[in-house]
Amino acid sequence: MSIGRSIRDAWREDFYVDCRYMTDTAASAVELQQHNLILIGNTDNSAVLNRIKKSLPLQFFSNPIDLAGHVYKGSNIVVETVFPNPLSPDRLMVVVDSNSQGKWKIPDSR
């Protein structure tokens, strides 16, 4: 199951409604500014993250990942971080990425 599908399924289970979902290439500039965002991927595979990479407090590499000056090395690294949306600072942006995509899943909070 993809990370996107996992997030959408968890959202539906927790909030009883579907969340707004679109691909990174389908999101308009207005949508990116008007909504809080959950972005999945990194600057190599997400058009949105690539566009704003100089404004992000993290740098992506397959290994290591640099998060605000703290470097994390190893396999099975997962980044889940929240910070102000550089395109609209009054909105939030969640970034989720992993260097082992097939092993990441949403933890069960129940």
N, C-alpha and C. Protein backbone atom coordinates (compact mmCIF):
# COMPACT_ATOMS: atom_id res chain seq x y z
N MET A 1 0.85 -1.17 0.00
CA MET A 1 0.00 0.00 0.00
C MET A 1 0.90 1.24 0.00
N SER A 2 0.54 2.25 -0.77
CA SER A 2 1.32 3.47 -0.86
C SER A 2 1.14 4.32 0.40
N ILE A 3 2.09 5.21 0.64
CA ILE A 3 1.99 6.13 1.77
C ILE A 3 0.74 6.99 1.62
N GLY A 4 0.49 7.46 0.41
CA GLY A 4 -0.70 8.28 0.17
C GLY A 4 -1.98 7.55 0.52
N ARG A 5 -2.09 6.32 0.10
CA ARG A 5 -3.29 5.52 0.41
C ARG A 5 -3.39 5.31 1.91
N SER A 6 -2.27 5.05 2.59
CA SER A 6 -2.28 4.86 4.05
C SER A 6 -2.79 6.11 4.76
N ILE A 7 -2.32 7.27 4.33
CA ILE A 7 -2.75 8.53 4.94
C ILE A 7 -4.23 8.77 4.70
N ARG A 8 -4.68 8.56 3.48
CA ARG A 8 -6.11 8.76 3.18
C ARG A 8 -6.99 7.80 3.97
N ASP A 9 -6.57 6.54 4.07
CA ASP A 9 -7.35 5.56 4.84
C ASP A 9 -7.41 5.93 6.32
N ALA A 10 -6.27 6.36 6.89
CA ALA A 10 -6.24 6.75 8.30
C ALA A 10 -7.09 7.99 8.53
N TRP A 11 -7.03 8.93 7.60
CA TRP A 11 -7.85 10.16 7.71
C TRP A 11 -9.33 9.79 7.75
N ARG A 12 -9.74 8.94 6.83
CA ARG A 12 -11.15 8.53 6.76
C ARG A 12 -11.56 7.83 8.05
N GLU A 13 -10.69 6.98 8.58
CA GLU A 13 -11.01 6.26 9.81
C GLU A 13 -11.10 7.19 11.01
N ASP A 14 -10.20 8.17 11.09
CA ASP A 14 -10.17 9.08 12.23
C ASP A 14 -11.24 10.17 12.17
N PHE A 15 -11.52 10.70 10.96
CA PHE A 15 -12.39 11.86 10.84
C PHE A 15 -13.71 11.56 10.13
N TYR A 16 -13.90 10.35 9.66
CA TYR A 16 -15.15 9.89 9.04
C TYR A 16 -15.51 10.60 7.75
N VAL A 17 -14.54 11.25 7.13
CA VAL A 17 -14.72 11.90 5.83
C VAL A 17 -13.45 11.69 5.01
N ASP A 18 -13.58 11.81 3.72
CA ASP A 18 -12.40 11.73 2.86
C ASP A 18 -11.65 13.05 2.91
N CYS A 19 -10.33 12.96 2.82
CA CYS A 19 -9.54 14.19 2.75
C CYS A 19 -9.36 14.58 1.29
N ARG A 20 -9.10 15.85 1.07
CA ARG A 20 -8.81 16.35 -0.28
C ARG A 20 -7.51 15.70 -0.72
N TYR A 21 -7.46 15.20 -1.94
CA TYR A 21 -6.28 14.51 -2.43
C TYR A 21 -6.02 14.88 -3.88
N MET A 22 -4.78 15.16 -4.19
CA MET A 22 -4.40 15.39 -5.58
C MET A 22 -2.91 15.13 -5.72
N THR A 23 -2.49 14.89 -6.94
CA THR A 23 -1.07 14.68 -7.18
C THR A 23 -0.35 16.02 -7.12
N ASP A 24 0.95 15.94 -6.94
CA ASP A 24 1.75 17.17 -6.83
C ASP A 24 1.68 18.01 -8.11
N THR A 25 1.56 17.38 -9.24
CA THR A 25 1.52 18.12 -10.50
C THR A 25 0.13 18.69 -10.80
N ALA A 26 -0.90 18.20 -10.12
CA ALA A 26 -2.26 18.70 -10.35
C ALA A 26 -2.61 19.87 -9.45
N ALA A 27 -1.87 20.09 -8.38
CA ALA A 27 -2.18 21.16 -7.43
C ALA A 27 -1.83 22.52 -8.03
N SER A 28 -2.78 23.42 -7.99
CA SER A 28 -2.54 24.77 -8.52
C SER A 28 -1.82 25.62 -7.47
N ALA A 29 -1.26 26.72 -7.90
CA ALA A 29 -0.59 27.65 -6.99
C ALA A 29 -1.56 28.15 -5.92
N VAL A 30 -2.80 28.41 -6.31
CA VAL A 30 -3.81 28.89 -5.36
C VAL A 30 -4.10 27.81 -4.32
N GLU A 31 -4.28 26.56 -4.74
CA GLU A 31 -4.55 25.47 -3.79
C GLU A 31 -3.39 25.28 -2.82
N LEU A 32 -2.16 25.42 -3.30
CA LEU A 32 -0.99 25.25 -2.44
C LEU A 32 -0.91 26.35 -1.39
N GLN A 33 -1.51 27.51 -1.65
CA GLN A 33 -1.49 28.61 -0.71
C GLN A 33 -2.70 28.64 0.21
N GLN A 34 -3.83 28.08 -0.22
CA GLN A 34 -5.07 28.19 0.55
C GLN A 34 -5.29 27.06 1.54
N HIS A 35 -4.51 25.99 1.45
CA HIS A 35 -4.78 24.81 2.28
C HIS A 35 -3.54 24.38 3.05
N ASN A 36 -3.78 23.75 4.19
CA ASN A 36 -2.70 23.02 4.85
C ASN A 36 -2.36 21.84 3.94
N LEU A 37 -1.11 21.44 3.91
CA LEU A 37 -0.68 20.41 2.96
C LEU A 37 -0.04 19.22 3.66
N ILE A 38 -0.26 18.04 3.11
CA ILE A 38 0.51 16.85 3.45
C ILE A 38 1.21 16.47 2.16
N LEU A 39 2.53 16.61 2.15
CA LEU A 39 3.32 16.30 0.96
C LEU A 39 4.09 15.02 1.20
N ILE A 40 4.01 14.13 0.25
CA ILE A 40 4.65 12.83 0.36
C ILE A 40 5.77 12.76 -0.66
N GLY A 41 6.96 12.45 -0.19
CA GLY A 41 8.08 12.31 -1.10
C GLY A 41 9.20 13.24 -0.74
N ASN A 42 10.02 13.55 -1.74
CA ASN A 42 11.19 14.40 -1.52
C ASN A 42 11.38 15.30 -2.74
N THR A 43 12.46 16.06 -2.74
CA THR A 43 12.67 17.03 -3.81
C THR A 43 12.97 16.37 -5.15
N ASP A 44 13.29 15.10 -5.15
CA ASP A 44 13.52 14.38 -6.41
C ASP A 44 12.23 13.88 -7.05
N ASN A 45 11.21 13.57 -6.23
CA ASN A 45 10.01 12.97 -6.80
C ASN A 45 8.72 13.76 -6.53
N SER A 46 8.84 14.95 -5.98
CA SER A 46 7.67 15.80 -5.74
C SER A 46 7.91 17.17 -6.37
N ALA A 47 7.07 17.52 -7.31
CA ALA A 47 7.21 18.82 -7.98
C ALA A 47 7.06 19.98 -7.00
N VAL A 48 6.17 19.84 -6.03
CA VAL A 48 5.95 20.90 -5.05
C VAL A 48 7.19 21.06 -4.17
N LEU A 49 7.70 19.97 -3.63
CA LEU A 49 8.88 20.06 -2.77
C LEU A 49 10.10 20.55 -3.55
N ASN A 50 10.23 20.14 -4.79
CA ASN A 50 11.34 20.62 -5.60
C ASN A 50 11.25 22.13 -5.80
N ARG A 51 10.04 22.62 -6.01
CA ARG A 51 9.82 24.05 -6.25
C ARG A 51 10.20 24.91 -5.04
N ILE A 52 9.98 24.38 -3.83
CA ILE A 52 10.21 25.17 -2.62
C ILE A 52 11.43 24.69 -1.82
N LYS A 53 12.27 23.86 -2.41
CA LYS A 53 13.34 23.21 -1.66
C LYS A 53 14.28 24.19 -0.95
N LYS A 54 14.50 25.37 -1.49
CA LYS A 54 15.39 26.33 -0.84
C LYS A 54 14.76 26.94 0.41
N SER A 55 13.45 26.80 0.56
CA SER A 55 12.75 27.34 1.73
C SER A 55 12.51 26.29 2.80
N LEU A 56 12.89 25.05 2.56
CA LEU A 56 12.62 23.96 3.49
C LEU A 56 13.72 23.84 4.54
N PRO A 57 13.35 23.46 5.78
CA PRO A 57 14.36 23.24 6.82
C PRO A 57 14.99 21.85 6.75
N LEU A 58 14.78 21.14 5.66
CA LEU A 58 15.37 19.82 5.52
C LEU A 58 15.89 19.63 4.11
N GLN A 59 16.88 18.75 4.01
CA GLN A 59 17.43 18.37 2.72
C GLN A 59 17.30 16.86 2.60
N PHE A 60 16.89 16.42 1.43
CA PHE A 60 16.68 15.00 1.21
C PHE A 60 17.83 14.39 0.44
N PHE A 61 18.26 13.29 0.89
CA PHE A 61 19.17 12.41 0.16
C PHE A 61 18.65 11.02 0.46
N SER A 62 18.97 10.03 -0.33
CA SER A 62 18.48 8.69 0.01
C SER A 62 19.05 8.26 1.35
N ASN A 63 20.23 8.74 1.67
CA ASN A 63 20.86 8.46 2.95
C ASN A 63 22.12 9.32 2.98
N PRO A 64 22.26 10.28 3.80
CA PRO A 64 21.46 10.64 4.98
C PRO A 64 20.37 11.65 4.66
N ILE A 65 19.60 12.01 5.70
CA ILE A 65 18.61 13.07 5.63
C ILE A 65 19.04 14.14 6.62
N ASP A 66 19.07 15.38 6.16
CA ASP A 66 19.47 16.51 7.00
C ASP A 66 18.21 17.27 7.38
N LEU A 67 17.90 17.29 8.67
CA LEU A 67 16.71 17.96 9.18
C LEU A 67 17.16 19.08 10.12
N ALA A 68 17.09 20.30 9.62
CA ALA A 68 17.45 21.49 10.39
C ALA A 68 18.85 21.35 11.00
N GLY A 69 19.79 20.85 10.22
CA GLY A 69 21.18 20.73 10.67
C GLY A 69 21.50 19.45 11.40
N HIS A 70 20.51 18.62 11.67
CA HIS A 70 20.73 17.32 12.30
C HIS A 70 20.73 16.27 11.20
N VAL A 71 21.83 15.54 11.06
CA VAL A 71 21.97 14.57 9.98
C VAL A 71 21.64 13.18 10.52
N TYR A 72 20.76 12.49 9.81
CA TYR A 72 20.35 11.14 10.18
C TYR A 72 20.78 10.19 9.09
N LYS A 73 21.53 9.15 9.49
CA LYS A 73 22.03 8.16 8.53
C LYS A 73 21.47 6.80 8.89
N GLY A 74 21.34 5.96 7.88
CA GLY A 74 20.90 4.59 8.12
C GLY A 74 19.83 4.17 7.14
N SER A 75 19.41 2.95 7.27
CA SER A 75 18.31 2.46 6.44
C SER A 75 17.02 2.60 7.24
N ASN A 76 15.92 2.58 6.56
CA ASN A 76 14.60 2.69 7.19
C ASN A 76 14.41 4.01 7.93
N ILE A 77 14.95 5.11 7.37
CA ILE A 77 14.74 6.43 7.95
C ILE A 77 13.40 6.96 7.45
N VAL A 78 12.59 7.43 8.38
CA VAL A 78 11.30 8.03 8.04
C VAL A 78 11.30 9.46 8.55
N VAL A 79 10.91 10.39 7.71
CA VAL A 79 10.77 11.79 8.09
C VAL A 79 9.29 12.11 8.09
N GLU A 80 8.81 12.61 9.20
CA GLU A 80 7.45 13.12 9.33
C GLU A 80 7.60 14.44 10.09
N THR A 81 7.48 15.53 9.40
CA THR A 81 7.73 16.82 10.03
C THR A 81 6.64 17.82 9.64
N VAL A 82 6.41 18.76 10.53
CA VAL A 82 5.41 19.81 10.31
C VAL A 82 6.10 21.16 10.49
N PHE A 83 5.84 22.06 9.57
CA PHE A 83 6.37 23.42 9.68
C PHE A 83 5.49 24.34 8.85
N PRO A 84 5.66 25.66 8.99
CA PRO A 84 4.85 26.59 8.20
C PRO A 84 5.08 26.38 6.70
N ASN A 85 4.02 26.50 5.95
CA ASN A 85 4.08 26.38 4.50
C ASN A 85 4.83 27.59 3.94
N PRO A 86 5.98 27.38 3.27
CA PRO A 86 6.73 28.52 2.73
C PRO A 86 5.93 29.34 1.71
N LEU A 87 4.92 28.73 1.08
CA LEU A 87 4.11 29.44 0.11
C LEU A 87 2.99 30.25 0.76
N SER A 88 2.69 29.93 2.02
CA SER A 88 1.64 30.61 2.76
C SER A 88 1.89 30.37 4.25
N PRO A 89 2.73 31.20 4.90
CA PRO A 89 3.18 30.95 6.27
C PRO A 89 2.08 30.81 7.32
N ASP A 90 0.85 31.24 7.01
CA ASP A 90 -0.24 31.06 7.97
C ASP A 90 -0.86 29.66 7.85
N ARG A 91 -0.38 28.86 6.92
CA ARG A 91 -0.81 27.47 6.73
C ARG A 91 0.32 26.53 7.13
N LEU A 92 -0.03 25.27 7.40
CA LEU A 92 0.98 24.28 7.78
C LEU A 92 1.26 23.32 6.64
N MET A 93 2.43 22.73 6.70
CA MET A 93 2.85 21.74 5.72
C MET A 93 3.43 20.54 6.47
N VAL A 94 2.92 19.37 6.17
CA VAL A 94 3.47 18.12 6.68
C VAL A 94 4.24 17.49 5.54
N VAL A 95 5.46 17.05 5.82
CA VAL A 95 6.26 16.34 4.82
C VAL A 95 6.53 14.95 5.35
N VAL A 96 6.23 13.95 4.52
CA VAL A 96 6.47 12.56 4.86
C VAL A 96 7.35 11.95 3.79
N ASP A 97 8.45 11.35 4.21
CA ASP A 97 9.33 10.65 3.27
C ASP A 97 10.07 9.55 4.01
N SER A 98 10.55 8.60 3.27
CA SER A 98 11.30 7.49 3.83
C SER A 98 12.29 7.00 2.79
N ASN A 99 13.43 6.52 3.25
CA ASN A 99 14.36 5.92 2.31
C ASN A 99 14.09 4.42 2.17
N SER A 100 12.97 3.97 2.71
CA SER A 100 12.52 2.59 2.53
C SER A 100 11.00 2.60 2.37
N GLN A 101 10.54 3.15 1.26
CA GLN A 101 9.11 3.38 1.02
C GLN A 101 8.22 2.17 1.32
N GLY A 102 8.68 0.99 0.99
CA GLY A 102 7.83 -0.18 1.16
C GLY A 102 7.56 -0.56 2.60
N LYS A 103 8.32 -0.02 3.55
CA LYS A 103 8.20 -0.42 4.95
C LYS A 103 7.50 0.61 5.81
N TRP A 104 7.21 1.80 5.30
CA TRP A 104 6.61 2.85 6.11
C TRP A 104 5.12 2.63 6.22
N LYS A 105 4.57 2.87 7.40
CA LYS A 105 3.11 2.82 7.56
C LYS A 105 2.72 3.76 8.67
N ILE A 106 1.48 4.14 8.68
CA ILE A 106 0.97 5.02 9.73
C ILE A 106 0.82 4.22 11.01
N PRO A 107 1.39 4.73 12.10
CA PRO A 107 1.24 4.01 13.36
C PRO A 107 -0.21 4.03 13.84
N ASP A 108 -0.62 2.99 14.49
CA ASP A 108 -1.98 2.91 15.02
C ASP A 108 -2.00 3.70 16.33
N SER A 109 -2.79 4.75 16.39
CA SER A 109 -2.82 5.61 17.57
C SER A 109 -3.87 5.16 18.58
N ARG A 110 -4.56 4.10 18.30
CA ARG A 110 -5.61 3.65 19.22
C ARG A 110 -5.09 2.71 20.24
